[in-house]
Structures are given as C-alpha cells and as structure tokens.
C-alpha cells in the first residue's frame, strides 16, 4: 500500500529537503552538492510526495550510454514501512535503461540490493579525523585550472567507470570546493578535491599514481587555497605548461572557502581495493566511521584501483 504517493522528477528546489535527510542519516552531504549532482543528469532525480509533502527520494544518474549510478535512496522516517521507498525505486530505475547500474549500499540494505540483481564489487570505508598540513602540499601542488581541464578529465577517466566531464566542470567550480593537481616532469600524476560539508570537509576524489603523490595532494587540500580554483575562474597556463613538484601552489585572495593551514575535521571514503590508501589514512590517524558495499548489476569498464585513494562521493559514485 502506497497511499496517495505521487512520484515526480526532483528539481533543485527539492534539494534542501533531500540534503537535510542525508544529514539526518549521518551521510554528511557537501554544502553545494545539489547543483553539481543535477548538472550531470537533470532528469535523474526523483521524489515521492503525499499531499504535496516530500516523503521519499532516489537518484538514477546516467553517465553516457553504458553506466548509471543509483543513490540518495531515502524515506522520511515517519513514512517508512509503507512501500514508499520501493515504489520510488521502481519508478526511477527504468531511467538507467540497459546501462549497468552501480550503488554504494549501507549494510542494512545490502541483502535487499542483492535480491534486486546487484552483486558486490568491494567495500568502501569512511575515515574521519583531524588533519593539519605539514606544508609539503602547498609547495608542490597547483590549482586544477593550471593542470588543464582536459588533462584532469582524462586522468579521472582512468579511475571512474565512465567519462564525466559535465560533472567535473561543476564539481571543480562549485563554491567551497578546493582542487589541487600534482604535475611531475610535465606529467599529471594525481589530483584531488576537498569540499565544505555538513560536518567538516570531505575529500573526494583523491586520485594519484602513488601513495607519496596522494599524500602531497591531500596535504595541499588540507592547507586549503582560499582563492578560486575552479575552471573558468582563474587563468591557468594549460596542460602544456610543464609544472613540476616545485611549482608554486597558486594561493590567491578569494572567498575564504578553503580549510586553513591550521587543519580541521576531514572525511574521506577509501576503497578496500587500494591497500596503500588504507595504509595512508591509518598512518595519518584517521579512524573508520562506517562502510558501504560498492555493487553493480553487470560489468563495468576497468578502473585503475591503485590510483583511487578517495572516492568522489558515495551519492553519485
């Protein structure tokens, strides 16, 4: 029985409610996730309403022709147990078409997802703790714009199941997002983004060729450039500039939306497939908070798991 549940596409106007539900669940959403998420697939977000009141939500976000990601599966607590979540899921899932669908499932729901055709790929563990920059990152990493969007997007494609240039442009330019890249001998060897969240700051993605490079990028993110670092907001020298590890970090005057050099509470989602990443966060003193299972309905293209030190976001992959 679903009472008078009406399921429609969600819009940006619905995002504050969905974000609030995420916060209530302890998912710690980013402050400006909504516009970035909807930019990737404006038709991929769904909300269920009873008498005009939002009571359920889910997203099925398409990346190209082969991959889709399901997330934000939520039901307002007082409306649970009435079939509203399942009805919203069933209304949204056809959005994926013939694509392989991925999700990050919480422990309580994993059996349900398996019954729906999802298979386990790996665990992802959320780590939380206080970090302070040691100064190595700001002296080496550069704002993403200086690495060149094309170079960064190509590197990202090695670490994610589908190309996502539309999402990346929004993610890099969003208020409160700080991005840094590391270029060694003229070659991009990693990049990362840190964003302001409901509680502290979330790191994601953090992709790098090695643990050493990941640590440098993470340190630069924690130090936090306060100036604009999104593409189209600062004039970078492009992919052919040939920055090296000794390049200036490019700090500038701006909104003050980064983490200061004094550090702060950091959240990062680490896949168990990268043992060096697990060793890195352990050595930094970060503590596990909870875990999810990455699950798929079918095959996905190969990802270089050794480069994935931090997932982008559990809500959108």
C-alpha atoms as a PDB file:
ATOM      1  CA  UNK A   1       0.000   0.000   0.000  1.00  0.00           C
ATOM      2  CA  UNK A   2       1.492   3.350  -1.032  1.00  0.00           C
ATOM      3  CA  UNK A   3      -1.424   5.627  -0.026  1.00  0.00           C
ATOM      4  CA  UNK A   4      -1.527   8.581  -2.422  1.00  0.00           C
ATOM      5  CA  UNK A   5       2.166   8.636  -3.202  1.00  0.00           C
ATOM      6  CA  UNK A   6       2.965  10.756  -6.261  1.00  0.00           C
ATOM      7  CA  UNK A   7       6.412  10.314  -7.785  1.00  0.00           C
ATOM      8  CA  UNK A   8       7.873  13.047  -9.970  1.00  0.00           C
ATOM      9  CA  UNK A   9      11.249  14.309 -11.123  1.00  0.00           C
ATOM     10  CA  UNK A  10      13.055  16.246  -8.398  1.00  0.00           C
ATOM     11  CA  UNK A  11      14.390  19.724  -9.073  1.00  0.00           C
ATOM     12  CA  UNK A  12      16.979  21.900  -7.413  1.00  0.00           C
ATOM     13  CA  UNK A  13      14.163  23.371  -5.316  1.00  0.00           C
ATOM     14  CA  UNK A  14      13.780  19.938  -3.689  1.00  0.00           C
ATOM     15  CA  UNK A  15      17.462  19.638  -2.853  1.00  0.00           C
ATOM     16  CA  UNK A  16      17.417  21.315   0.604  1.00  0.00           C
ATOM     17  CA  UNK A  17      14.956  18.677   1.803  1.00  0.00           C
ATOM     18  CA  UNK A  18      16.962  15.786   0.331  1.00  0.00           C
ATOM     19  CA  UNK A  19      20.175  17.255   1.726  1.00  0.00           C
ATOM     20  CA  UNK A  20      18.561  17.513   5.149  1.00  0.00           C
ATOM     21  CA  UNK A  21      17.554  13.853   5.028  1.00  0.00           C
ATOM     22  CA  UNK A  22      21.132  12.932   4.076  1.00  0.00           C
ATOM     23  CA  UNK A  23      22.436  14.894   7.058  1.00  0.00           C
ATOM     24  CA  UNK A  24      19.926  13.211   9.369  1.00  0.00           C
ATOM     25  CA  UNK A  25      21.196   9.814   8.189  1.00  0.00           C
ATOM     26  CA  UNK A  26      24.772  10.824   9.035  1.00  0.00           C
ATOM     27  CA  UNK A  27      25.892  10.863   5.390  1.00  0.00           C
ATOM     28  CA  UNK A  28      27.442  14.328   5.799  1.00  0.00           C
ATOM     29  CA  UNK A  29      26.445  15.906   2.463  1.00  0.00           C
ATOM     30  CA  UNK A  30      28.541  18.619   0.886  1.00  0.00           C
ATOM     31  CA  UNK A  31      27.228  22.147   1.168  1.00  0.00           C
ATOM     32  CA  UNK A  32      26.908  22.580  -2.614  1.00  0.00           C
ATOM     33  CA  UNK A  33      26.367  19.017  -3.817  1.00  0.00           C
ATOM     34  CA  UNK A  34      22.921  19.623  -5.295  1.00  0.00           C
ATOM     35  CA  UNK A  35      23.784  21.794  -8.310  1.00  0.00           C
ATOM     36  CA  UNK A  36      26.735  19.537  -9.166  1.00  0.00           C
ATOM     37  CA  UNK A  37      24.653  16.384  -8.971  1.00  0.00           C
ATOM     38  CA  UNK A  38      21.787  17.717 -11.065  1.00  0.00           C
ATOM     39  CA  UNK A  39      24.176  19.102 -13.680  1.00  0.00           C
ATOM     40  CA  UNK A  40      25.294  15.562 -14.548  1.00  0.00           C
ATOM     41  CA  UNK A  41      21.760  14.325 -15.226  1.00  0.00           C
ATOM     42  CA  UNK A  42      18.925  16.783 -14.519  1.00  0.00           C
ATOM     43  CA  UNK A  43      16.315  14.089 -15.211  1.00  0.00           C
ATOM     44  CA  UNK A  44      17.886  11.530 -12.881  1.00  0.00           C
ATOM     45  CA  UNK A  45      16.443  12.627  -9.535  1.00  0.00           C
ATOM     46  CA  UNK A  46      13.073  11.546  -8.175  1.00  0.00           C
ATOM     47  CA  UNK A  47      10.949  12.490  -5.194  1.00  0.00           C
ATOM     48  CA  UNK A  48       7.777  10.923  -3.809  1.00  0.00           C
ATOM     49  CA  UNK A  49       5.123  13.155  -2.290  1.00  0.00           C
ATOM     50  CA  UNK A  50       1.981  12.609  -0.272  1.00  0.00           C
ATOM     51  CA  UNK A  51      -0.374  15.555  -0.242  1.00  0.00           C
ATOM     52  CA  UNK A  52       2.432  17.655  -1.674  1.00  0.00           C
ATOM     53  CA  UNK A  53       4.843  16.743   1.143  1.00  0.00           C
ATOM     54  CA  UNK A  54       8.133  15.076   0.096  1.00  0.00           C
ATOM     55  CA  UNK A  55       8.455  11.683   1.785  1.00  0.00           C
ATOM     56  CA  UNK A  56      10.899   9.697  -0.385  1.00  0.00           C
ATOM     57  CA  UNK A  57      13.719  10.162  -2.860  1.00  0.00           C
ATOM     58  CA  UNK A  58      16.149   8.305  -5.085  1.00  0.00           C
ATOM     59  CA  UNK A  59      18.517   9.186  -7.913  1.00  0.00           C
ATOM     60  CA  UNK A  60      19.436   7.207 -11.026  1.00  0.00           C
ATOM     61  CA  UNK A  61      22.117   9.272 -12.711  1.00  0.00           C
ATOM     62  CA  UNK A  62      23.309   8.328 -16.179  1.00  0.00           C
ATOM     63  CA  UNK A  63      26.923   8.639 -17.309  1.00  0.00           C
ATOM     64  CA  UNK A  64      26.992   8.111 -21.054  1.00  0.00           C
ATOM     65  CA  UNK A  65      25.475   5.054 -22.691  1.00  0.00           C
ATOM     66  CA  UNK A  66      26.919   2.288 -20.522  1.00  0.00           C
ATOM     67  CA  UNK A  67      26.871   3.298 -16.840  1.00  0.00           C
ATOM     68  CA  UNK A  68      24.371   4.659 -14.334  1.00  0.00           C
ATOM     69  CA  UNK A  69      24.603   5.221 -10.602  1.00  0.00           C
ATOM     70  CA  UNK A  70      21.813   4.849  -8.060  1.00  0.00           C
ATOM     71  CA  UNK A  71      21.940   6.853  -4.857  1.00  0.00           C
ATOM     72  CA  UNK A  72      20.096   9.068  -2.414  1.00  0.00           C
ATOM     73  CA  UNK A  73      17.656   6.256  -1.621  1.00  0.00           C
ATOM     74  CA  UNK A  74      15.785   7.844   1.246  1.00  0.00           C
ATOM     75  CA  UNK A  75      12.427   7.727   3.010  1.00  0.00           C
ATOM     76  CA  UNK A  76      11.368  10.177   5.684  1.00  0.00           C
ATOM     77  CA  UNK A  77      11.399   8.145   8.944  1.00  0.00           C
ATOM     78  CA  UNK A  78       7.713   8.508   9.825  1.00  0.00           C
ATOM     79  CA  UNK A  79       6.726   7.238   6.362  1.00  0.00           C
ATOM     80  CA  UNK A  80       8.874   4.096   6.355  1.00  0.00           C
ATOM     81  CA  UNK A  81       7.420   0.607   6.208  1.00  0.00           C
ATOM     82  CA  UNK A  82       4.617   1.579   3.828  1.00  0.00           C
ATOM     83  CA  UNK A  83       6.231   0.727   0.497  1.00  0.00           C
ATOM     84  CA  UNK A  84       7.039   4.306  -0.465  1.00  0.00           C
ATOM     85  CA  UNK A  85      10.749   3.641  -0.879  1.00  0.00           C
ATOM     86  CA  UNK A  86      10.233   0.608  -3.098  1.00  0.00           C
ATOM     87  CA  UNK A  87       7.662   2.446  -5.206  1.00  0.00           C
ATOM     88  CA  UNK A  88      10.052   5.347  -5.722  1.00  0.00           C
ATOM     89  CA  UNK A  89      12.896   2.941  -6.592  1.00  0.00           C
ATOM     90  CA  UNK A  90      10.718   1.112  -9.123  1.00  0.00           C
ATOM     91  CA  UNK A  91       9.641   4.357 -10.744  1.00  0.00           C
ATOM     92  CA  UNK A  92      13.208   5.614 -11.051  1.00  0.00           C
ATOM     93  CA  UNK A  93      15.208   2.545 -12.060  1.00  0.00           C
ATOM     94  CA  UNK A  94      13.961   2.412 -15.686  1.00  0.00           C
ATOM     95  CA  UNK A  95      15.817   5.688 -16.154  1.00  0.00           C
ATOM     96  CA  UNK A  96      19.005   3.603 -16.425  1.00  0.00           C
ATOM     97  CA  UNK A  97      17.746   1.691 -19.462  1.00  0.00           C
ATOM     98  CA  UNK A  98      20.173  -1.068 -20.446  1.00  0.00           C
ATOM     99  CA  UNK A  99      23.100   0.512 -18.588  1.00  0.00           C
ATOM    100  CA  UNK A 100      24.964  -1.250 -15.795  1.00  0.00           C
ATOM    101  CA  UNK A 101      23.853   0.338 -12.528  1.00  0.00           C
ATOM    102  CA  UNK A 102      26.151   0.904  -9.575  1.00  0.00           C
ATOM    103  CA  UNK A 103      25.414   1.880  -5.998  1.00  0.00           C
ATOM    104  CA  UNK A 104      27.088   2.152  -2.597  1.00  0.00           C
ATOM    105  CA  UNK A 105      24.907   0.141  -0.247  1.00  0.00           C
ATOM    106  CA  UNK A 106      24.732   0.522   3.508  1.00  0.00           C
ATOM    107  CA  UNK A 107      24.957  -2.718   5.482  1.00  0.00           C
ATOM    108  CA  UNK A 108      21.258  -2.832   6.361  1.00  0.00           C
ATOM    109  CA  UNK A 109      20.190  -2.750   2.704  1.00  0.00           C
ATOM    110  CA  UNK A 110      22.805  -4.940   1.020  1.00  0.00           C
ATOM    111  CA  UNK A 111      20.716  -8.126   1.059  1.00  0.00           C
ATOM    112  CA  UNK A 112      17.827  -6.228  -0.492  1.00  0.00           C
ATOM    113  CA  UNK A 113      20.094  -4.939  -3.240  1.00  0.00           C
ATOM    114  CA  UNK A 114      21.385  -8.432  -3.951  1.00  0.00           C
ATOM    115  CA  UNK A 115      17.809  -9.637  -4.393  1.00  0.00           C
ATOM    116  CA  UNK A 116      17.367  -6.791  -6.905  1.00  0.00           C
ATOM    117  CA  UNK A 117      20.233  -8.063  -9.049  1.00  0.00           C
ATOM    118  CA  UNK A 118      23.203  -6.212  -7.602  1.00  0.00           C
ATOM    119  CA  UNK A 119      26.473  -8.015  -6.909  1.00  0.00           C
ATOM    120  CA  UNK A 120      29.254  -6.996  -4.533  1.00  0.00           C
ATOM    121  CA  UNK A 121      32.403  -5.447  -6.025  1.00  0.00           C
ATOM    122  CA  UNK A 122      34.270  -4.157  -2.960  1.00  0.00           C
ATOM    123  CA  UNK A 123      33.881  -2.396   0.355  1.00  0.00           C
ATOM    124  CA  UNK A 124      34.443   1.304   0.847  1.00  0.00           C
ATOM    125  CA  UNK A 125      35.254   2.586   4.334  1.00  0.00           C
ATOM    126  CA  UNK A 126      34.676   6.130   5.534  1.00  0.00           C
ATOM    127  CA  UNK A 127      37.543   7.530   7.591  1.00  0.00           C
ATOM    128  CA  UNK A 128      37.285  10.629   9.755  1.00  0.00           C
ATOM    129  CA  UNK A 129      39.764  12.672  11.767  1.00  0.00           C
ATOM    130  CA  UNK A 130      41.661  15.880  12.284  1.00  0.00           C
ATOM    131  CA  UNK A 131      44.448  16.730   9.852  1.00  0.00           C
ATOM    132  CA  UNK A 132      46.940  19.572   9.767  1.00  0.00           C
ATOM    133  CA  UNK A 133      49.065  20.492   6.766  1.00  0.00           C
ATOM    134  CA  UNK A 134      52.800  19.929   7.124  1.00  0.00           C
ATOM    135  CA  UNK A 135      53.480  22.386   4.311  1.00  0.00           C
ATOM    136  CA  UNK A 136      54.622  19.874   1.707  1.00  0.00           C
ATOM    137  CA  UNK A 137      51.475  20.027  -0.387  1.00  0.00           C
ATOM    138  CA  UNK A 138      51.137  23.784  -0.927  1.00  0.00           C
ATOM    139  CA  UNK A 139      54.750  23.912  -2.076  1.00  0.00           C
ATOM    140  CA  UNK A 140      54.156  21.292  -4.759  1.00  0.00           C
ATOM    141  CA  UNK A 141      50.551  21.077  -5.938  1.00  0.00           C
ATOM    142  CA  UNK A 142      48.835  23.580  -8.243  1.00  0.00           C
ATOM    143  CA  UNK A 143      45.221  24.674  -8.731  1.00  0.00           C
ATOM    144  CA  UNK A 144      43.363  22.364 -11.081  1.00  0.00           C
ATOM    145  CA  UNK A 145      42.992  25.036 -13.741  1.00  0.00           C
ATOM    146  CA  UNK A 146      46.748  25.186 -14.128  1.00  0.00           C
ATOM    147  CA  UNK A 147      46.906  21.496 -14.931  1.00  0.00           C
ATOM    148  CA  UNK A 148      44.351  21.895 -17.720  1.00  0.00           C
ATOM    149  CA  UNK A 149      40.815  20.571 -17.664  1.00  0.00           C
ATOM    150  CA  UNK A 150      41.395  18.067 -20.453  1.00  0.00           C
ATOM    151  CA  UNK A 151      44.374  16.528 -18.688  1.00  0.00           C
ATOM    152  CA  UNK A 152      42.494  16.226 -15.424  1.00  0.00           C
ATOM    153  CA  UNK A 153      39.376  14.789 -17.074  1.00  0.00           C
ATOM    154  CA  UNK A 154      41.489  12.202 -18.908  1.00  0.00           C
ATOM    155  CA  UNK A 155      43.151  11.199 -15.643  1.00  0.00           C
ATOM    156  CA  UNK A 156      39.769  10.992 -13.930  1.00  0.00           C
ATOM    157  CA  UNK A 157      38.554   8.627 -16.651  1.00  0.00           C
ATOM    158  CA  UNK A 158      41.210   6.113 -15.549  1.00  0.00           C
ATOM    159  CA  UNK A 159      39.649   5.999 -12.087  1.00  0.00           C
ATOM    160  CA  UNK A 160      35.891   6.077 -12.699  1.00  0.00           C
ATOM    161  CA  UNK A 161      33.646   3.685 -14.653  1.00  0.00           C
ATOM    162  CA  UNK A 162      32.622   6.347 -17.205  1.00  0.00           C
ATOM    163  CA  UNK A 163      33.718   9.731 -18.560  1.00  0.00           C
ATOM    164  CA  UNK A 164      32.053  12.577 -16.638  1.00  0.00           C
ATOM    165  CA  UNK A 165      33.254  15.954 -17.966  1.00  0.00           C
ATOM    166  CA  UNK A 166      29.950  17.732 -17.254  1.00  0.00           C
ATOM    167  CA  UNK A 167      30.007  16.696 -13.607  1.00  0.00           C
ATOM    168  CA  UNK A 168      33.699  17.529 -13.219  1.00  0.00           C
ATOM    169  CA  UNK A 169      33.297  21.081 -14.512  1.00  0.00           C
ATOM    170  CA  UNK A 170      30.612  21.732 -11.927  1.00  0.00           C
ATOM    171  CA  UNK A 171      32.492  19.894  -9.164  1.00  0.00           C
ATOM    172  CA  UNK A 172      35.690  21.850  -9.704  1.00  0.00           C
ATOM    173  CA  UNK A 173      33.955  25.243  -9.861  1.00  0.00           C
ATOM    174  CA  UNK A 174      31.443  24.902  -7.016  1.00  0.00           C
ATOM    175  CA  UNK A 175      31.625  27.294  -4.050  1.00  0.00           C
ATOM    176  CA  UNK A 176      33.520  25.776  -1.141  1.00  0.00           C
ATOM    177  CA  UNK A 177      35.376  23.298  -3.355  1.00  0.00           C
ATOM    178  CA  UNK A 178      39.177  23.366  -3.383  1.00  0.00           C
ATOM    179  CA  UNK A 179      41.022  21.404  -6.068  1.00  0.00           C
ATOM    180  CA  UNK A 180      44.708  20.630  -6.460  1.00  0.00           C
ATOM    181  CA  UNK A 181      46.741  18.731  -9.052  1.00  0.00           C
ATOM    182  CA  UNK A 182      50.269  17.392  -8.968  1.00  0.00           C
ATOM    183  CA  UNK A 183      52.392  17.501 -12.103  1.00  0.00           C
ATOM    184  CA  UNK A 184      55.821  15.832 -12.152  1.00  0.00           C
ATOM    185  CA  UNK A 185      58.207  16.199 -15.101  1.00  0.00           C
ATOM    186  CA  UNK A 186      55.394  17.602 -17.201  1.00  0.00           C
ATOM    187  CA  UNK A 187      53.004  14.730 -16.435  1.00  0.00           C
ATOM    188  CA  UNK A 188      49.878  14.811 -14.297  1.00  0.00           C
ATOM    189  CA  UNK A 189      50.303  12.244 -11.514  1.00  0.00           C
ATOM    190  CA  UNK A 190      47.186  12.924  -9.497  1.00  0.00           C
ATOM    191  CA  UNK A 191      44.529  15.337  -8.363  1.00  0.00           C
ATOM    192  CA  UNK A 192      42.031  15.849  -5.572  1.00  0.00           C
ATOM    193  CA  UNK A 193      39.105  17.949  -4.437  1.00  0.00           C
ATOM    194  CA  UNK A 194      38.050  18.982  -0.943  1.00  0.00           C
ATOM    195  CA  UNK A 195      34.624  20.455  -0.218  1.00  0.00           C
ATOM    196  CA  UNK A 196      32.849  22.017   2.717  1.00  0.00           C
ATOM    197  CA  UNK A 197      30.268  19.639   4.181  1.00  0.00           C
ATOM    198  CA  UNK A 198      27.617  19.448   6.870  1.00  0.00           C
ATOM    199  CA  UNK A 199      30.286  18.417   9.374  1.00  0.00           C
ATOM    200  CA  UNK A 200      33.857  19.349   8.480  1.00  0.00           C
ATOM    201  CA  UNK A 201      35.222  18.824   4.967  1.00  0.00           C
ATOM    202  CA  UNK A 202      35.022  15.857   2.614  1.00  0.00           C
ATOM    203  CA  UNK A 203      37.865  14.818   0.336  1.00  0.00           C
ATOM    204  CA  UNK A 204      36.842  13.330  -2.985  1.00  0.00           C
ATOM    205  CA  UNK A 205      38.051  12.391  -5.362  1.00  0.00           C
ATOM    206  CA  UNK A 206      41.651  11.745  -4.412  1.00  0.00           C
ATOM    207  CA  UNK A 207      43.328  10.011  -7.363  1.00  0.00           C
ATOM    208  CA  UNK A 208      47.095   9.573  -7.657  1.00  0.00           C
ATOM    209  CA  UNK A 209      49.794   7.381  -9.147  1.00  0.00           C
ATOM    210  CA  UNK A 210      51.223   6.540  -5.728  1.00  0.00           C
ATOM    211  CA  UNK A 211      50.752   6.979  -2.011  1.00  0.00           C
ATOM    212  CA  UNK A 212      53.526   9.582  -1.929  1.00  0.00           C
ATOM    213  CA  UNK A 213      51.741  11.695  -4.518  1.00  0.00           C
ATOM    214  CA  UNK A 214      48.373  11.195  -2.812  1.00  0.00           C
ATOM    215  CA  UNK A 215      49.824  12.426   0.480  1.00  0.00           C
ATOM    216  CA  UNK A 216      51.199  15.560  -1.181  1.00  0.00           C
ATOM    217  CA  UNK A 217      47.846  16.342  -2.807  1.00  0.00           C
ATOM    218  CA  UNK A 218      45.952  15.671   0.413  1.00  0.00           C
ATOM    219  CA  UNK A 219      48.275  17.980   2.303  1.00  0.00           C
ATOM    220  CA  UNK A 220      47.652  20.713  -0.267  1.00  0.00           C
ATOM    221  CA  UNK A 221      43.904  20.262   0.084  1.00  0.00           C
ATOM    222  CA  UNK A 222      44.092  20.444   3.867  1.00  0.00           C
ATOM    223  CA  UNK A 223      46.179  23.591   3.643  1.00  0.00           C
ATOM    224  CA  UNK A 224      43.348  24.885   1.509  1.00  0.00           C
ATOM    225  CA  UNK A 225      43.814  27.684  -1.018  1.00  0.00           C
ATOM    226  CA  UNK A 226      41.224  30.337  -0.242  1.00  0.00           C
ATOM    227  CA  UNK A 227      41.162  31.671  -3.804  1.00  0.00           C
ATOM    228  CA  UNK A 228      39.082  30.487  -6.700  1.00  0.00           C
ATOM    229  CA  UNK A 229      40.300  27.191  -8.083  1.00  0.00           C
ATOM    230  CA  UNK A 230      37.543  26.215 -10.484  1.00  0.00           C
ATOM    231  CA  UNK A 231      37.929  26.063 -14.232  1.00  0.00           C
ATOM    232  CA  UNK A 232      36.849  29.250 -15.848  1.00  0.00           C
ATOM    233  CA  UNK A 233      37.549  31.198 -12.680  1.00  0.00           C
ATOM    234  CA  UNK A 234      41.303  31.513 -12.857  1.00  0.00           C
ATOM    235  CA  UNK A 235      43.571  31.737 -15.851  1.00  0.00           C
ATOM    236  CA  UNK A 236      45.701  28.616 -15.927  1.00  0.00           C
ATOM    237  CA  UNK A 237      48.679  28.077 -18.181  1.00  0.00           C
ATOM    238  CA  UNK A 238      47.194  24.915 -19.672  1.00  0.00           C
ATOM    239  CA  UNK A 239      48.272  21.327 -19.873  1.00  0.00           C
ATOM    240  CA  UNK A 240      51.469  22.117 -21.697  1.00  0.00           C
ATOM    241  CA  UNK A 241      52.853  24.385 -19.013  1.00  0.00           C
ATOM    242  CA  UNK A 242      55.040  21.637 -17.596  1.00  0.00           C
ATOM    243  CA  UNK A 243      54.695  22.327 -13.872  1.00  0.00           C
ATOM    244  CA  UNK A 244      56.887  20.252 -11.628  1.00  0.00           C
ATOM    245  CA  UNK A 245      56.756  19.285  -7.978  1.00  0.00           C
ATOM    246  CA  UNK A 246      58.429  22.527  -7.008  1.00  0.00           C
ATOM    247  CA  UNK A 247      55.777  24.723  -8.620  1.00  0.00           C
ATOM    248  CA  UNK A 248      54.005  27.420  -6.613  1.00  0.00           C
ATOM    249  CA  UNK A 249      50.651  26.410  -5.166  1.00  0.00           C
ATOM    250  CA  UNK A 250      48.954  29.474  -6.589  1.00  0.00           C
ATOM    251  CA  UNK A 251      47.276  30.736  -3.409  1.00  0.00           C
ATOM    252  CA  UNK A 252      45.180  33.813  -4.008  1.00  0.00           C
ATOM    253  CA  UNK A 253      42.742  36.151  -2.326  1.00  0.00           C
ATOM    254  CA  UNK A 254      39.170  34.989  -2.647  1.00  0.00           C
ATOM    255  CA  UNK A 255      36.091  33.815  -0.800  1.00  0.00           C
ATOM    256  CA  UNK A 256      37.942  32.131   2.052  1.00  0.00           C
ATOM    257  CA  UNK A 257      36.071  28.889   1.362  1.00  0.00           C
ATOM    258  CA  UNK A 258      39.005  26.549   1.938  1.00  0.00           C
ATOM    259  CA  UNK A 259      40.319  24.866   5.058  1.00  0.00           C
ATOM    260  CA  UNK A 260      43.011  26.970   6.639  1.00  0.00           C
ATOM    261  CA  UNK A 261      46.533  25.750   7.304  1.00  0.00           C
ATOM    262  CA  UNK A 262      45.541  25.029  10.892  1.00  0.00           C
ATOM    263  CA  UNK A 263      43.670  21.959   9.647  1.00  0.00           C
ATOM    264  CA  UNK A 264      40.263  20.595  10.577  1.00  0.00           C
ATOM    265  CA  UNK A 265      37.936  17.599  10.514  1.00  0.00           C
ATOM    266  CA  UNK A 266      38.411  15.632   7.313  1.00  0.00           C
ATOM    267  CA  UNK A 267      36.209  12.877   5.870  1.00  0.00           C
ATOM    268  CA  UNK A 268      37.429  10.545   3.115  1.00  0.00           C
ATOM    269  CA  UNK A 269      35.877   7.399   1.624  1.00  0.00           C
ATOM    270  CA  UNK A 270      38.568   4.811   0.900  1.00  0.00           C
ATOM    271  CA  UNK A 271      38.039   1.656  -1.198  1.00  0.00           C
ATOM    272  CA  UNK A 272      39.446  -1.539   0.260  1.00  0.00           C
ATOM    273  CA  UNK A 273      40.833  -2.354  -3.194  1.00  0.00           C
ATOM    274  CA  UNK A 274      43.703   0.088  -2.551  1.00  0.00           C
ATOM    275  CA  UNK A 275      45.801  -1.190   0.340  1.00  0.00           C
ATOM    276  CA  UNK A 276      48.174   1.769   0.087  1.00  0.00           C
ATOM    277  CA  UNK A 277      45.228   4.112   0.580  1.00  0.00           C
ATOM    278  CA  UNK A 278      44.148   2.226   3.688  1.00  0.00           C
ATOM    279  CA  UNK A 279      47.714   2.369   4.998  1.00  0.00           C
ATOM    280  CA  UNK A 280      47.883   6.104   4.282  1.00  0.00           C
ATOM    281  CA  UNK A 281      44.763   7.053   6.241  1.00  0.00           C
ATOM    282  CA  UNK A 282      45.800   4.740   9.065  1.00  0.00           C
ATOM    283  CA  UNK A 283      49.212   6.391   9.296  1.00  0.00           C
ATOM    284  CA  UNK A 284      47.526   9.795   9.346  1.00  0.00           C
ATOM    285  CA  UNK A 285      45.481   8.764  12.365  1.00  0.00           C
ATOM    286  CA  UNK A 286      42.084   8.792  10.666  1.00  0.00           C
ATOM    287  CA  UNK A 287      39.519   6.438  12.180  1.00  0.00           C
ATOM    288  CA  UNK A 288      36.946   4.260  10.377  1.00  0.00           C
ATOM    289  CA  UNK A 289      33.406   5.524  10.767  1.00  0.00           C
ATOM    290  CA  UNK A 290      31.224   3.215   8.657  1.00  0.00           C
ATOM    291  CA  UNK A 291      31.401   1.156   5.496  1.00  0.00           C
ATOM    292  CA  UNK A 292      29.360   0.538   2.375  1.00  0.00           C
ATOM    293  CA  UNK A 293      29.498  -2.032  -0.402  1.00  0.00           C
ATOM    294  CA  UNK A 294      30.026  -0.946  -3.997  1.00  0.00           C
ATOM    295  CA  UNK A 295      27.638  -3.088  -6.019  1.00  0.00           C
ATOM    296  CA  UNK A 296      26.836  -3.419  -9.728  1.00  0.00           C
ATOM    297  CA  UNK A 297      24.138  -5.044 -11.831  1.00  0.00           C
ATOM    298  CA  UNK A 298      26.611  -6.009 -14.565  1.00  0.00           C
ATOM    299  CA  UNK A 299      30.071  -5.391 -15.976  1.00  0.00           C
ATOM    300  CA  UNK A 300      31.769  -2.002 -15.865  1.00  0.00           C
ATOM    301  CA  UNK A 301      34.871  -0.856 -17.671  1.00  0.00           C
ATOM    302  CA  UNK A 302      38.220  -1.388 -15.971  1.00  0.00           C
ATOM    303  CA  UNK A 303      39.261   1.139 -13.349  1.00  0.00           C
ATOM    304  CA  UNK A 304      42.828   1.583 -12.096  1.00  0.00           C
ATOM    305  CA  UNK A 305      42.041   0.818  -8.444  1.00  0.00           C
ATOM    306  CA  UNK A 306      45.628   1.523  -7.424  1.00  0.00           C
ATOM    307  CA  UNK A 307      45.085   5.197  -8.228  1.00  0.00           C
ATOM    308  CA  UNK A 308      41.876   5.565  -6.192  1.00  0.00           C
ATOM    309  CA  UNK A 309      42.837   6.849  -2.751  1.00  0.00           C
ATOM    310  CA  UNK A 310      39.482   8.518  -2.107  1.00  0.00           C
ATOM    311  CA  UNK A 311      36.106   8.037  -3.795  1.00  0.00           C
ATOM    312  CA  UNK A 312      34.396  11.118  -5.210  1.00  0.00           C
ATOM    313  CA  UNK A 313      31.089  10.845  -3.368  1.00  0.00           C
ATOM    314  CA  UNK A 314      29.029   7.872  -2.245  1.00  0.00           C
ATOM    315  CA  UNK A 315      25.857   9.518  -3.518  1.00  0.00           C
ATOM    316  CA  UNK A 316      26.950   9.756  -7.162  1.00  0.00           C
ATOM    317  CA  UNK A 317      29.826   7.297  -7.384  1.00  0.00           C
END
